[in-house]
Amino acid sequence: MKLLQALLFAALMTACATDPLDRLEVNSPALTSAQVAELRKHTVPLQPGELRLAATMTVPLLRVETDKPREAGGQYRVPVVVGSFNGRAGVRMLLDSGSNQSLLGYKLARAGGVPIVENLKPVTAMGVGGAVENLPALVPVGTIGALEFRNLPAFIAPETESLRMARGWFGSAPVMIVSVNTFRPLSYLTVDALGGTVSISANEPYLPAESAKFVTNVPLRWEGDLPVVDIAVDNRERLPCIVDTGGDYGLLLPRQQANEFGYWKPGSGRLDASHGVGGATLDTGFVVRQTKLGGATLKEIPARTLLIGPELGGGKLLLGNVVLRRYRVTFDFRRNLLWLER
């Protein structure tokens, strides 16, 4: 069971309060002792996971409108599909490449009868707002369309900021975060916010759409089970960047790079609040003039820098779904490429 190094579904959306300091959470959320005791009543030994998919499949994305729904991909804030587990149907699942493990809240785990793994200690997850302790678990069986998974490694978490925030999109319905890393044994996974679908293939090689007017790809590598590409900001030297389909932001710059590139200086900038797995933290926003990813030139990207707490992703840049949803994005697992098309 691997450490959840950076659970990065940090929607980075602001609350309604005027003062960002009012939105900070002093204490990170935690499972109560009673909840932990209840979960420990149902344990299973650690078992290998399995994916079953006979042919390429396509499922619809659920609409989660952005504040600019008429823009390309504006109907799909983050990629959410409907799946099932343990016979529980209609479960909303966020396909998050910015998390190297899957995650579900305590209430959803209990309702679906998800067991924790025996003899494994809680694991500390780092994310926006701080650290959260989660319990290692296995989802015995589940489906997304024609895809079936067995013994999916996951973590049972408190009802964290990120999980609560997702409920704002779907009322009281909980959302399970499914790591894109889960699908690496397969051939490819395509998130098509322009067409409103997700496609997954077990064996077929990926081929760009014949109708695409623009196609580019860039080498993709996996570091700590997170997808990393190299990007250039404002024609500077290329830097490693985590591709985060679950992040509702454009670009996340570490403090050092934000300072070096002239977008932020300590003590300057408008304060705001970002929400994530550990609660909330202060950030500042600006617009990055230009970023190059493969043959794609991305201009005027809304960006943020977290001002307090640990840098996410080990200090790497993060590219979020505000940019990604403008393209048909494919994780080509077999050839270790990231494709962008439109």
C-alpha atoms as a PDB file:
ATOM      1  CA  MET A   1       0.000   0.000   0.000  1.00  0.00           C
ATOM      2  CA  LYS A   2       1.651   3.201  -1.122  1.00  0.00           C
ATOM      3  CA  LEU A   3       1.689   6.468   0.752  1.00  0.00           C
ATOM      4  CA  LEU A   4      -0.778   9.053  -0.450  1.00  0.00           C
ATOM      5  CA  GLN A   5       1.971  11.544  -1.223  1.00  0.00           C
ATOM      6  CA  ALA A   6      -0.178  14.322  -2.610  1.00  0.00           C
ATOM      7  CA  LEU A   7      -3.921  14.024  -2.688  1.00  0.00           C
ATOM      8  CA  LEU A   8      -4.407  17.005  -4.904  1.00  0.00           C
ATOM      9  CA  PHE A   9      -8.130  17.309  -5.450  1.00  0.00           C
ATOM     10  CA  ALA A  10      -7.944  20.834  -4.096  1.00  0.00           C
ATOM     11  CA  ALA A  11     -10.703  22.539  -5.976  1.00  0.00           C
ATOM     12  CA  LEU A  12      -9.119  25.867  -5.030  1.00  0.00           C
ATOM     13  CA  MET A  13     -12.512  27.521  -5.006  1.00  0.00           C
ATOM     14  CA  THR A  14     -13.285  30.375  -2.648  1.00  0.00           C
ATOM     15  CA  ALA A  15     -16.093  30.539  -0.125  1.00  0.00           C
ATOM     16  CA  CYS A  16     -18.545  33.391   0.303  1.00  0.00           C
ATOM     17  CA  ALA A  17     -16.916  35.105   3.275  1.00  0.00           C
ATOM     18  CA  THR A  18     -15.246  38.435   2.524  1.00  0.00           C
ATOM     19  CA  ASP A  19     -12.124  37.968   4.656  1.00  0.00           C
ATOM     20  CA  PRO A  20     -10.059  34.936   3.585  1.00  0.00           C
ATOM     21  CA  LEU A  21      -8.838  34.564   7.162  1.00  0.00           C
ATOM     22  CA  ASP A  22     -12.411  33.718   8.128  1.00  0.00           C
ATOM     23  CA  ARG A  23     -12.241  30.711   5.802  1.00  0.00           C
ATOM     24  CA  LEU A  24      -9.169  29.089   7.296  1.00  0.00           C
ATOM     25  CA  GLU A  25      -9.673  25.923   9.318  1.00  0.00           C
ATOM     26  CA  VAL A  26      -7.408  25.753  12.342  1.00  0.00           C
ATOM     27  CA  ASN A  27      -7.731  21.998  12.737  1.00  0.00           C
ATOM     28  CA  SER A  28      -7.550  19.486   9.907  1.00  0.00           C
ATOM     29  CA  PRO A  29     -10.528  17.108   9.781  1.00  0.00           C
ATOM     30  CA  ALA A  30     -10.049  13.692  11.368  1.00  0.00           C
ATOM     31  CA  LEU A  31     -11.889  10.420  11.824  1.00  0.00           C
ATOM     32  CA  THR A  32     -13.267  10.164  15.346  1.00  0.00           C
ATOM     33  CA  SER A  33     -12.240   7.335  17.658  1.00  0.00           C
ATOM     34  CA  ALA A  34     -15.791   5.964  17.387  1.00  0.00           C
ATOM     35  CA  GLN A  35     -15.602   5.958  13.575  1.00  0.00           C
ATOM     36  CA  VAL A  36     -12.238   4.197  13.624  1.00  0.00           C
ATOM     37  CA  ALA A  37     -13.567   1.607  16.061  1.00  0.00           C
ATOM     38  CA  GLU A  38     -16.571   0.979  13.814  1.00  0.00           C
ATOM     39  CA  LEU A  39     -14.389   0.546  10.730  1.00  0.00           C
ATOM     40  CA  ARG A  40     -12.078  -1.883  12.540  1.00  0.00           C
ATOM     41  CA  LYS A  41     -15.010  -4.275  12.999  1.00  0.00           C
ATOM     42  CA  HIS A  42     -14.767  -5.149   9.298  1.00  0.00           C
ATOM     43  CA  THR A  43     -11.252  -5.959   8.063  1.00  0.00           C
ATOM     44  CA  VAL A  44      -9.753  -8.006   5.236  1.00  0.00           C
ATOM     45  CA  PRO A  45      -6.211  -9.132   4.403  1.00  0.00           C
ATOM     46  CA  LEU A  46      -4.303  -7.187   1.770  1.00  0.00           C
ATOM     47  CA  GLN A  47      -5.027  -8.668  -1.663  1.00  0.00           C
ATOM     48  CA  PRO A  48      -3.841  -7.867  -5.208  1.00  0.00           C
ATOM     49  CA  GLY A  49      -6.124  -5.676  -7.290  1.00  0.00           C
ATOM     50  CA  GLU A  50      -7.526  -6.575 -10.693  1.00  0.00           C
ATOM     51  CA  LEU A  51      -9.028  -4.707 -13.648  1.00  0.00           C
ATOM     52  CA  ARG A  52     -11.313  -6.385 -16.187  1.00  0.00           C
ATOM     53  CA  LEU A  53     -12.231  -4.751 -19.481  1.00  0.00           C
ATOM     54  CA  ALA A  54     -12.948  -6.702 -22.658  1.00  0.00           C
ATOM     55  CA  ALA A  55     -13.066  -3.836 -25.171  1.00  0.00           C
ATOM     56  CA  THR A  56     -12.701  -0.076 -25.408  1.00  0.00           C
ATOM     57  CA  MET A  57     -15.578   1.628 -23.620  1.00  0.00           C
ATOM     58  CA  THR A  58     -16.949   5.157 -23.452  1.00  0.00           C
ATOM     59  CA  VAL A  59     -19.069   6.602 -20.649  1.00  0.00           C
ATOM     60  CA  PRO A  60     -20.584  10.090 -20.250  1.00  0.00           C
ATOM     61  CA  LEU A  61     -19.192  12.744 -17.972  1.00  0.00           C
ATOM     62  CA  LEU A  62     -21.558  14.275 -15.445  1.00  0.00           C
ATOM     63  CA  ARG A  63     -22.132  17.949 -16.001  1.00  0.00           C
ATOM     64  CA  VAL A  64     -20.514  20.183 -13.426  1.00  0.00           C
ATOM     65  CA  GLU A  65     -20.732  23.645 -14.967  1.00  0.00           C
ATOM     66  CA  THR A  66     -17.970  26.198 -14.556  1.00  0.00           C
ATOM     67  CA  ASP A  67     -18.567  29.909 -14.107  1.00  0.00           C
ATOM     68  CA  LYS A  68     -18.051  30.188 -17.886  1.00  0.00           C
ATOM     69  CA  PRO A  69     -20.192  27.338 -19.250  1.00  0.00           C
ATOM     70  CA  ARG A  70     -20.001  28.547 -22.856  1.00  0.00           C
ATOM     71  CA  GLU A  71     -16.230  28.215 -23.005  1.00  0.00           C
ATOM     72  CA  ALA A  72     -14.618  25.056 -24.375  1.00  0.00           C
ATOM     73  CA  GLY A  73     -15.128  22.332 -21.778  1.00  0.00           C
ATOM     74  CA  GLY A  74     -17.127  24.735 -19.625  1.00  0.00           C
ATOM     75  CA  GLN A  75     -19.805  22.134 -18.864  1.00  0.00           C
ATOM     76  CA  TYR A  76     -17.302  19.935 -17.009  1.00  0.00           C
ATOM     77  CA  ARG A  77     -15.491  21.555 -14.105  1.00  0.00           C
ATOM     78  CA  VAL A  78     -13.768  18.257 -13.240  1.00  0.00           C
ATOM     79  CA  PRO A  79     -14.179  14.757 -14.762  1.00  0.00           C
ATOM     80  CA  VAL A  80     -16.899  12.918 -12.830  1.00  0.00           C
ATOM     81  CA  VAL A  81     -18.522   9.665 -14.011  1.00  0.00           C
ATOM     82  CA  VAL A  82     -21.125   7.359 -12.485  1.00  0.00           C
ATOM     83  CA  GLY A  83     -20.031   3.941 -11.239  1.00  0.00           C
ATOM     84  CA  SER A  84     -20.836   1.395  -8.578  1.00  0.00           C
ATOM     85  CA  PHE A  85     -19.151  -0.613  -5.845  1.00  0.00           C
ATOM     86  CA  ASN A  86     -20.232  -3.498  -3.661  1.00  0.00           C
ATOM     87  CA  GLY A  87     -23.650  -3.418  -5.324  1.00  0.00           C
ATOM     88  CA  ARG A  88     -24.147   0.265  -4.522  1.00  0.00           C
ATOM     89  CA  ALA A  89     -25.173   1.926  -7.799  1.00  0.00           C
ATOM     90  CA  GLY A  90     -25.101   5.555  -8.871  1.00  0.00           C
ATOM     91  CA  VAL A  91     -21.836   6.438  -7.121  1.00  0.00           C
ATOM     92  CA  ARG A  92     -20.239   9.606  -8.470  1.00  0.00           C
ATOM     93  CA  MET A  93     -16.543   9.080  -9.111  1.00  0.00           C
ATOM     94  CA  LEU A  94     -14.038  11.837  -9.753  1.00  0.00           C
ATOM     95  CA  LEU A  95     -11.204  10.683 -12.060  1.00  0.00           C
ATOM     96  CA  ASP A  96      -8.309  12.496 -10.436  1.00  0.00           C
ATOM     97  CA  SER A  97      -4.795  12.255 -11.864  1.00  0.00           C
ATOM     98  CA  GLY A  98      -3.533  14.560  -9.103  1.00  0.00           C
ATOM     99  CA  SER A  99      -4.075  11.875  -6.466  1.00  0.00           C
ATOM    100  CA  ASN A 100      -1.919   8.762  -6.392  1.00  0.00           C
ATOM    101  CA  GLN A 101      -4.539   6.830  -4.438  1.00  0.00           C
ATOM    102  CA  SER A 102      -8.320   6.557  -4.418  1.00  0.00           C
ATOM    103  CA  LEU A 103     -10.305   8.052  -1.573  1.00  0.00           C
ATOM    104  CA  LEU A 104     -13.811   7.890  -0.159  1.00  0.00           C
ATOM    105  CA  GLY A 105     -15.347   9.526   2.859  1.00  0.00           C
ATOM    106  CA  TYR A 106     -16.365   7.679   6.011  1.00  0.00           C
ATOM    107  CA  LYS A 107     -20.113   7.853   5.340  1.00  0.00           C
ATOM    108  CA  LEU A 108     -19.833   6.471   1.799  1.00  0.00           C
ATOM    109  CA  ALA A 109     -17.439   3.746   2.928  1.00  0.00           C
ATOM    110  CA  ARG A 110     -19.791   2.640   5.699  1.00  0.00           C
ATOM    111  CA  ALA A 111     -22.859   2.748   3.448  1.00  0.00           C
ATOM    112  CA  GLY A 112     -21.064   0.628   0.844  1.00  0.00           C
ATOM    113  CA  GLY A 113     -19.559  -1.836   3.307  1.00  0.00           C
ATOM    114  CA  VAL A 114     -15.940  -1.084   2.369  1.00  0.00           C
ATOM    115  CA  PRO A 115     -13.545  -2.988   4.670  1.00  0.00           C
ATOM    116  CA  ILE A 116     -10.232  -1.666   5.923  1.00  0.00           C
ATOM    117  CA  VAL A 117      -7.022  -3.668   5.507  1.00  0.00           C
ATOM    118  CA  GLU A 118      -6.015  -5.592   8.593  1.00  0.00           C
ATOM    119  CA  ASN A 119      -2.671  -4.920  10.274  1.00  0.00           C
ATOM    120  CA  LEU A 120      -2.065  -1.665   8.397  1.00  0.00           C
ATOM    121  CA  LYS A 121      -1.684   1.606  10.262  1.00  0.00           C
ATOM    122  CA  PRO A 122      -3.339   4.897   9.253  1.00  0.00           C
ATOM    123  CA  VAL A 123      -1.544   6.768   6.481  1.00  0.00           C
ATOM    124  CA  THR A 124      -0.927  10.494   6.521  1.00  0.00           C
ATOM    125  CA  ALA A 125      -2.021  12.317   3.368  1.00  0.00           C
ATOM    126  CA  MET A 126      -0.597  15.733   2.558  1.00  0.00           C
ATOM    127  CA  GLY A 127      -2.724  18.208   0.650  1.00  0.00           C
ATOM    128  CA  VAL A 128      -4.043  21.739   0.620  1.00  0.00           C
ATOM    129  CA  GLY A 129      -4.623  22.897   4.188  1.00  0.00           C
ATOM    130  CA  GLY A 130      -2.439  20.326   5.935  1.00  0.00           C
ATOM    131  CA  ALA A 131      -2.245  16.630   6.735  1.00  0.00           C
ATOM    132  CA  VAL A 132      -5.055  14.110   7.204  1.00  0.00           C
ATOM    133  CA  GLU A 133      -4.844  10.571   8.547  1.00  0.00           C
ATOM    134  CA  ASN A 134      -6.721   8.005   6.455  1.00  0.00           C
ATOM    135  CA  LEU A 135      -7.303   4.280   6.885  1.00  0.00           C
ATOM    136  CA  PRO A 136      -6.102   1.879   4.133  1.00  0.00           C
ATOM    137  CA  ALA A 137      -9.014  -0.077   2.656  1.00  0.00           C
ATOM    138  CA  LEU A 138      -9.973  -2.326  -0.239  1.00  0.00           C
ATOM    139  CA  VAL A 139     -13.063  -1.828  -2.379  1.00  0.00           C
ATOM    140  CA  PRO A 140     -13.940  -5.495  -3.079  1.00  0.00           C
ATOM    141  CA  VAL A 141     -15.721  -4.974  -6.411  1.00  0.00           C
ATOM    142  CA  GLY A 142     -16.865  -2.039  -8.501  1.00  0.00           C
ATOM    143  CA  THR A 143     -17.648  -0.895 -12.016  1.00  0.00           C
ATOM    144  CA  ILE A 144     -17.358   2.086 -14.322  1.00  0.00           C
ATOM    145  CA  GLY A 145     -19.359   1.231 -17.417  1.00  0.00           C
ATOM    146  CA  ALA A 146     -17.992  -2.065 -18.752  1.00  0.00           C
ATOM    147  CA  LEU A 147     -14.866  -1.801 -16.615  1.00  0.00           C
ATOM    148  CA  GLU A 148     -14.828  -3.950 -13.485  1.00  0.00           C
ATOM    149  CA  PHE A 149     -12.310  -3.545 -10.701  1.00  0.00           C
ATOM    150  CA  ARG A 150     -11.656  -5.868  -7.791  1.00  0.00           C
ATOM    151  CA  ASN A 151      -9.794  -5.152  -4.566  1.00  0.00           C
ATOM    152  CA  LEU A 152      -9.247  -1.507  -5.442  1.00  0.00           C
ATOM    153  CA  PRO A 153      -6.797   0.020  -2.949  1.00  0.00           C
ATOM    154  CA  ALA A 154      -8.339   3.117  -1.409  1.00  0.00           C
ATOM    155  CA  PHE A 155      -8.300   5.221   1.720  1.00  0.00           C
ATOM    156  CA  ILE A 156     -11.220   5.944   4.009  1.00  0.00           C
ATOM    157  CA  ALA A 157     -11.063   9.579   5.019  1.00  0.00           C
ATOM    158  CA  PRO A 158     -12.945  12.012   7.235  1.00  0.00           C
ATOM    159  CA  GLU A 159     -15.446  14.222   5.469  1.00  0.00           C
ATOM    160  CA  THR A 160     -12.693  16.561   4.328  1.00  0.00           C
ATOM    161  CA  GLU A 161     -13.007  19.934   2.650  1.00  0.00           C
ATOM    162  CA  SER A 162     -12.550  18.451  -0.817  1.00  0.00           C
ATOM    163  CA  LEU A 163     -15.215  15.777  -0.338  1.00  0.00           C
ATOM    164  CA  ARG A 164     -17.669  18.247   1.183  1.00  0.00           C
ATOM    165  CA  MET A 165     -17.064  20.702  -1.618  1.00  0.00           C
ATOM    166  CA  ALA A 166     -17.991  18.119  -4.233  1.00  0.00           C
ATOM    167  CA  ARG A 167     -21.385  17.817  -2.587  1.00  0.00           C
ATOM    168  CA  GLY A 168     -22.084  21.401  -3.541  1.00  0.00           C
ATOM    169  CA  TRP A 169     -22.278  20.152  -7.117  1.00  0.00           C
ATOM    170  CA  PHE A 170     -24.529  17.149  -6.448  1.00  0.00           C
ATOM    171  CA  GLY A 171     -26.584  18.080  -3.431  1.00  0.00           C
ATOM    172  CA  SER A 172     -26.111  15.602  -0.595  1.00  0.00           C
ATOM    173  CA  ALA A 173     -24.604  12.875  -2.814  1.00  0.00           C
ATOM    174  CA  PRO A 174     -21.032  11.946  -1.835  1.00  0.00           C
ATOM    175  CA  VAL A 175     -18.216  11.670  -4.359  1.00  0.00           C
ATOM    176  CA  MET A 176     -15.502   9.024  -4.465  1.00  0.00           C
ATOM    177  CA  ILE A 177     -12.086  10.082  -5.748  1.00  0.00           C
ATOM    178  CA  VAL A 178     -10.602   7.485  -8.112  1.00  0.00           C
ATOM    179  CA  SER A 179      -6.934   7.895  -8.968  1.00  0.00           C
ATOM    180  CA  VAL A 180      -6.117   7.824 -12.693  1.00  0.00           C
ATOM    181  CA  ASN A 181      -3.058   5.827 -11.638  1.00  0.00           C
ATOM    182  CA  THR A 182      -5.504   2.950 -11.072  1.00  0.00           C
ATOM    183  CA  PHE A 183      -5.846   2.480 -14.848  1.00  0.00           C
ATOM    184  CA  ARG A 184      -2.143   2.242 -15.720  1.00  0.00           C
ATOM    185  CA  PRO A 185      -2.290  -1.530 -16.403  1.00  0.00           C
ATOM    186  CA  LEU A 186      -4.594  -0.690 -19.322  1.00  0.00           C
ATOM    187  CA  SER A 187      -3.745   0.948 -22.656  1.00  0.00           C
ATOM    188  CA  TYR A 188      -5.117   4.464 -22.305  1.00  0.00           C
ATOM    189  CA  LEU A 189      -7.671   6.746 -20.683  1.00  0.00           C
ATOM    190  CA  THR A 190      -9.160   9.762 -22.460  1.00  0.00           C
ATOM    191  CA  VAL A 191     -10.997  12.601 -20.723  1.00  0.00           C
ATOM    192  CA  ASP A 192     -12.896  14.490 -23.415  1.00  0.00           C
ATOM    193  CA  ALA A 193     -14.470  17.554 -21.799  1.00  0.00           C
ATOM    194  CA  LEU A 194     -15.202  18.938 -25.265  1.00  0.00           C
ATOM    195  CA  GLY A 195     -17.366  15.929 -26.103  1.00  0.00           C
ATOM    196  CA  GLY A 196     -18.498  15.126 -22.569  1.00  0.00           C
ATOM    197  CA  THR A 197     -17.107  11.573 -22.376  1.00  0.00           C
ATOM    198  CA  VAL A 198     -14.421   9.357 -20.866  1.00  0.00           C
ATOM    199  CA  SER A 199     -12.970   6.483 -22.895  1.00  0.00           C
ATOM    200  CA  ILE A 200     -10.851   3.635 -21.527  1.00  0.00           C
ATOM    201  CA  SER A 201      -9.164   0.865 -23.508  1.00  0.00           C
ATOM    202  CA  ALA A 202      -7.568  -2.330 -22.290  1.00  0.00           C
ATOM    203  CA  ASN A 203      -5.504  -3.274 -25.340  1.00  0.00           C
ATOM    204  CA  GLU A 204      -6.087  -0.976 -28.307  1.00  0.00           C
ATOM    205  CA  PRO A 205      -3.277   1.500 -29.052  1.00  0.00           C
ATOM    206  CA  TYR A 206      -4.304   5.109 -28.822  1.00  0.00           C
ATOM    207  CA  LEU A 207      -4.991   6.939 -32.093  1.00  0.00           C
ATOM    208  CA  PRO A 208      -5.872  10.655 -32.186  1.00  0.00           C
ATOM    209  CA  ALA A 209      -9.341  11.524 -33.468  1.00  0.00           C
ATOM    210  CA  GLU A 210      -9.404  12.000 -37.243  1.00  0.00           C
ATOM    211  CA  SER A 211     -11.592  15.065 -36.778  1.00  0.00           C
ATOM    212  CA  ALA A 212      -9.069  16.821 -34.535  1.00  0.00           C
ATOM    213  CA  LYS A 213      -7.723  20.078 -35.965  1.00  0.00           C
ATOM    214  CA  PHE A 214      -4.900  20.241 -33.427  1.00  0.00           C
ATOM    215  CA  VAL A 215      -2.905  17.309 -31.993  1.00  0.00           C
ATOM    216  CA  THR A 216       0.220  17.262 -29.875  1.00  0.00           C
ATOM    217  CA  ASN A 217       1.822  14.899 -27.400  1.00  0.00           C
ATOM    218  CA  VAL A 218       4.478  15.190 -24.741  1.00  0.00           C
ATOM    219  CA  PRO A 219       6.520  12.537 -22.875  1.00  0.00           C
ATOM    220  CA  LEU A 220       4.785  11.401 -19.705  1.00  0.00           C
ATOM    221  CA  ARG A 221       6.451   9.861 -16.674  1.00  0.00           C
ATOM    222  CA  TRP A 222       5.126   8.715 -13.312  1.00  0.00           C
ATOM    223  CA  GLU A 223       6.768  10.001 -10.153  1.00  0.00           C
ATOM    224  CA  GLY A 224       5.299   8.780  -6.893  1.00  0.00           C
ATOM    225  CA  ASP A 225       2.468   7.392  -9.059  1.00  0.00           C
ATOM    226  CA  LEU A 226       1.604  10.911 -10.230  1.00  0.00           C
ATOM    227  CA  PRO A 227       1.756  11.875 -13.939  1.00  0.00           C
ATOM    228  CA  VAL A 228       4.523  14.380 -14.682  1.00  0.00           C
ATOM    229  CA  VAL A 229       5.323  16.295 -17.876  1.00  0.00           C
ATOM    230  CA  ASP A 230       7.770  19.123 -18.591  1.00  0.00           C
ATOM    231  CA  ILE A 231       6.397  22.579 -19.325  1.00  0.00           C
ATOM    232  CA  ALA A 232       7.970  25.961 -20.042  1.00  0.00           C
ATOM    233  CA  VAL A 233       6.590  29.116 -18.435  1.00  0.00           C
ATOM    234  CA  ASP A 234       7.169  32.372 -20.331  1.00  0.00           C
ATOM    235  CA  ASN A 235       9.800  30.719 -22.563  1.00  0.00           C
ATOM    236  CA  ARG A 236      11.986  29.776 -19.606  1.00  0.00           C
ATOM    237  CA  GLU A 237      13.650  26.416 -19.036  1.00  0.00           C
ATOM    238  CA  ARG A 238      11.182  23.541 -18.874  1.00  0.00           C
ATOM    239  CA  LEU A 239      10.170  22.395 -15.406  1.00  0.00           C
ATOM    240  CA  PRO A 240       8.459  19.222 -14.138  1.00  0.00           C
ATOM    241  CA  CYS A 241       4.710  19.628 -13.765  1.00  0.00           C
ATOM    242  CA  ILE A 242       2.046  17.310 -12.322  1.00  0.00           C
ATOM    243  CA  VAL A 243      -1.042  16.864 -14.520  1.00  0.00           C
ATOM    244  CA  ASP A 244      -4.043  17.247 -12.202  1.00  0.00           C
ATOM    245  CA  THR A 245      -7.444  16.493 -13.737  1.00  0.00           C
ATOM    246  CA  GLY A 246      -9.055  16.832 -10.312  1.00  0.00           C
ATOM    247  CA  GLY A 247      -7.866  20.390  -9.677  1.00  0.00           C
ATOM    248  CA  ASP A 248     -10.230  23.221 -10.564  1.00  0.00           C
ATOM    249  CA  TYR A 249      -7.484  25.749 -11.254  1.00  0.00           C
ATOM    250  CA  GLY A 250      -5.230  26.660 -14.186  1.00  0.00           C
ATOM    251  CA  LEU A 251      -1.673  26.512 -12.888  1.00  0.00           C
ATOM    252  CA  LEU A 252      -0.277  26.156  -9.390  1.00  0.00           C
ATOM    253  CA  LEU A 253       3.172  27.718  -9.030  1.00  0.00           C
ATOM    254  CA  PRO A 254       5.391  26.989  -6.030  1.00  0.00           C
ATOM    255  CA  ARG A 255       6.441  30.091  -4.124  1.00  0.00           C
ATOM    256  CA  GLN A 256      10.016  30.010  -5.424  1.00  0.00           C
ATOM    257  CA  GLN A 257       8.991  29.910  -9.079  1.00  0.00           C
ATOM    258  CA  ALA A 258       6.229  32.487  -8.593  1.00  0.00           C
ATOM    259  CA  ASN A 259       8.844  34.824  -7.116  1.00  0.00           C
ATOM    260  CA  GLU A 260      11.530  34.095  -9.732  1.00  0.00           C
ATOM    261  CA  PHE A 261       9.075  34.567 -12.615  1.00  0.00           C
ATOM    262  CA  GLY A 262       7.932  37.930 -11.255  1.00  0.00           C
ATOM    263  CA  TYR A 263       4.334  36.987 -10.456  1.00  0.00           C
ATOM    264  CA  TRP A 264       4.531  37.273  -6.669  1.00  0.00           C
ATOM    265  CA  LYS A 265       6.701  38.717  -3.925  1.00  0.00           C
ATOM    266  CA  PRO A 266       6.443  37.932  -0.197  1.00  0.00           C
ATOM    267  CA  GLY A 267       4.008  40.322   1.425  1.00  0.00           C
ATOM    268  CA  SER A 268       2.376  41.328  -1.852  1.00  0.00           C
ATOM    269  CA  GLY A 269      -0.704  40.210  -3.745  1.00  0.00           C
ATOM    270  CA  ARG A 270      -4.362  39.777  -2.905  1.00  0.00           C
ATOM    271  CA  LEU A 271      -5.052  37.133  -0.282  1.00  0.00           C
ATOM    272  CA  ASP A 272      -7.565  34.390  -0.903  1.00  0.00           C
ATOM    273  CA  ALA A 273      -8.322  30.907   0.449  1.00  0.00           C
ATOM    274  CA  SER A 274      -7.823  27.482  -1.115  1.00  0.00           C
ATOM    275  CA  HIS A 275      -9.650  24.395   0.138  1.00  0.00           C
ATOM    276  CA  GLY A 276      -8.381  20.833   0.035  1.00  0.00           C
ATOM    277  CA  VAL A 277      -8.051  17.583   1.925  1.00  0.00           C
ATOM    278  CA  GLY A 278      -6.547  19.188   5.011  1.00  0.00           C
ATOM    279  CA  GLY A 279      -8.897  22.126   5.360  1.00  0.00           C
ATOM    280  CA  ALA A 280      -8.026  25.543   3.963  1.00  0.00           C
ATOM    281  CA  THR A 281      -4.964  27.708   3.472  1.00  0.00           C
ATOM    282  CA  LEU A 282      -4.072  31.158   2.173  1.00  0.00           C
ATOM    283  CA  ASP A 283      -3.122  31.721  -1.448  1.00  0.00           C
ATOM    284  CA  THR A 284      -2.716  34.520  -3.950  1.00  0.00           C
ATOM    285  CA  GLY A 285      -3.794  34.620  -7.596  1.00  0.00           C
ATOM    286  CA  PHE A 286      -2.392  36.062 -10.818  1.00  0.00           C
ATOM    287  CA  VAL A 287      -2.362  35.355 -14.564  1.00  0.00           C
ATOM    288  CA  VAL A 288       0.591  33.562 -16.188  1.00  0.00           C
ATOM    289  CA  ARG A 289       1.311  35.052 -19.581  1.00  0.00           C
ATOM    290  CA  GLN A 290       2.283  31.899 -21.461  1.00  0.00           C
ATOM    291  CA  THR A 291       3.030  28.217 -20.942  1.00  0.00           C
ATOM    292  CA  LYS A 292       4.180  25.672 -23.519  1.00  0.00           C
ATOM    293  CA  LEU A 293       3.258  21.993 -23.283  1.00  0.00           C
ATOM    294  CA  GLY A 294       4.457  19.974 -26.242  1.00  0.00           C
ATOM    295  CA  GLY A 295       3.191  21.779 -29.328  1.00  0.00           C
ATOM    296  CA  ALA A 296       0.475  23.594 -27.355  1.00  0.00           C
ATOM    297  CA  THR A 297       0.950  27.230 -26.359  1.00  0.00           C
ATOM    298  CA  LEU A 298      -1.321  28.140 -23.469  1.00  0.00           C
ATOM    299  CA  LYS A 299      -1.894  31.836 -22.918  1.00  0.00           C
ATOM    300  CA  GLU A 300      -3.297  33.926 -20.077  1.00  0.00           C
ATOM    301  CA  ILE A 301      -3.604  31.076 -17.587  1.00  0.00           C
ATOM    302  CA  PRO A 302      -5.215  31.796 -14.204  1.00  0.00           C
ATOM    303  CA  ALA A 303      -2.667  30.722 -11.611  1.00  0.00           C
ATOM    304  CA  ARG A 304      -2.237  30.523  -7.848  1.00  0.00           C
ATOM    305  CA  THR A 305       0.498  30.186  -5.259  1.00  0.00           C
ATOM    306  CA  LEU A 306      -0.104  28.743  -1.804  1.00  0.00           C
ATOM    307  CA  LEU A 307       1.332  31.143   0.761  1.00  0.00           C
ATOM    308  CA  ILE A 308       1.509  28.949   3.852  1.00  0.00           C
ATOM    309  CA  GLY A 309       2.009  25.265   4.529  1.00  0.00           C
ATOM    310  CA  PRO A 310       3.932  22.661   2.555  1.00  0.00           C
ATOM    311  CA  GLU A 311       4.386  22.958  -1.199  1.00  0.00           C
ATOM    312  CA  LEU A 312       2.275  20.338  -2.970  1.00  0.00           C
ATOM    313  CA  GLY A 313       3.776  17.666  -5.189  1.00  0.00           C
ATOM    314  CA  GLY A 314       7.247  18.107  -3.760  1.00  0.00           C
ATOM    315  CA  GLY A 315       7.497  21.646  -5.088  1.00  0.00           C
ATOM    316  CA  LYS A 316       6.563  20.816  -8.684  1.00  0.00           C
ATOM    317  CA  LEU A 317       4.254  22.935 -10.797  1.00  0.00           C
ATOM    318  CA  LEU A 318       0.702  21.641 -11.172  1.00  0.00           C
ATOM    319  CA  LEU A 319      -1.482  21.980 -14.264  1.00  0.00           C
ATOM    320  CA  GLY A 320      -5.172  21.842 -13.462  1.00  0.00           C
ATOM    321  CA  ASN A 321      -8.451  21.269 -15.212  1.00  0.00           C
ATOM    322  CA  VAL A 322      -9.107  24.913 -16.088  1.00  0.00           C
ATOM    323  CA  VAL A 323      -6.538  24.298 -18.854  1.00  0.00           C
ATOM    324  CA  LEU A 324      -7.013  20.569 -19.413  1.00  0.00           C
ATOM    325  CA  ARG A 325     -10.753  20.763 -20.051  1.00  0.00           C
ATOM    326  CA  ARG A 326     -10.078  22.911 -23.137  1.00  0.00           C
ATOM    327  CA  TYR A 327      -8.680  19.782 -24.797  1.00  0.00           C
ATOM    328  CA  ARG A 328      -9.331  16.108 -25.329  1.00  0.00           C
ATOM    329  CA  VAL A 329      -6.724  14.752 -22.873  1.00  0.00           C
ATOM    330  CA  THR A 330      -5.344  11.222 -23.157  1.00  0.00           C
ATOM    331  CA  PHE A 331      -3.081   9.371 -20.757  1.00  0.00           C
ATOM    332  CA  ASP A 332      -1.349   6.902 -23.093  1.00  0.00           C
ATOM    333  CA  PHE A 333      -0.097   4.363 -20.569  1.00  0.00           C
ATOM    334  CA  ARG A 334       1.526   2.036 -23.094  1.00  0.00           C
ATOM    335  CA  ARG A 335       3.689   4.671 -24.766  1.00  0.00           C
ATOM    336  CA  ASN A 336       4.027   7.025 -21.789  1.00  0.00           C
ATOM    337  CA  LEU A 337       2.622  10.012 -23.638  1.00  0.00           C
ATOM    338  CA  LEU A 338       0.131  12.737 -22.783  1.00  0.00           C
ATOM    339  CA  TRP A 339      -1.986  13.714 -25.797  1.00  0.00           C
ATOM    340  CA  LEU A 340      -3.823  17.017 -26.244  1.00  0.00           C
ATOM    341  CA  GLU A 341      -6.348  17.434 -29.073  1.00  0.00           C
ATOM    342  CA  ARG A 342      -9.104  19.763 -30.141  1.00  0.00           C
END
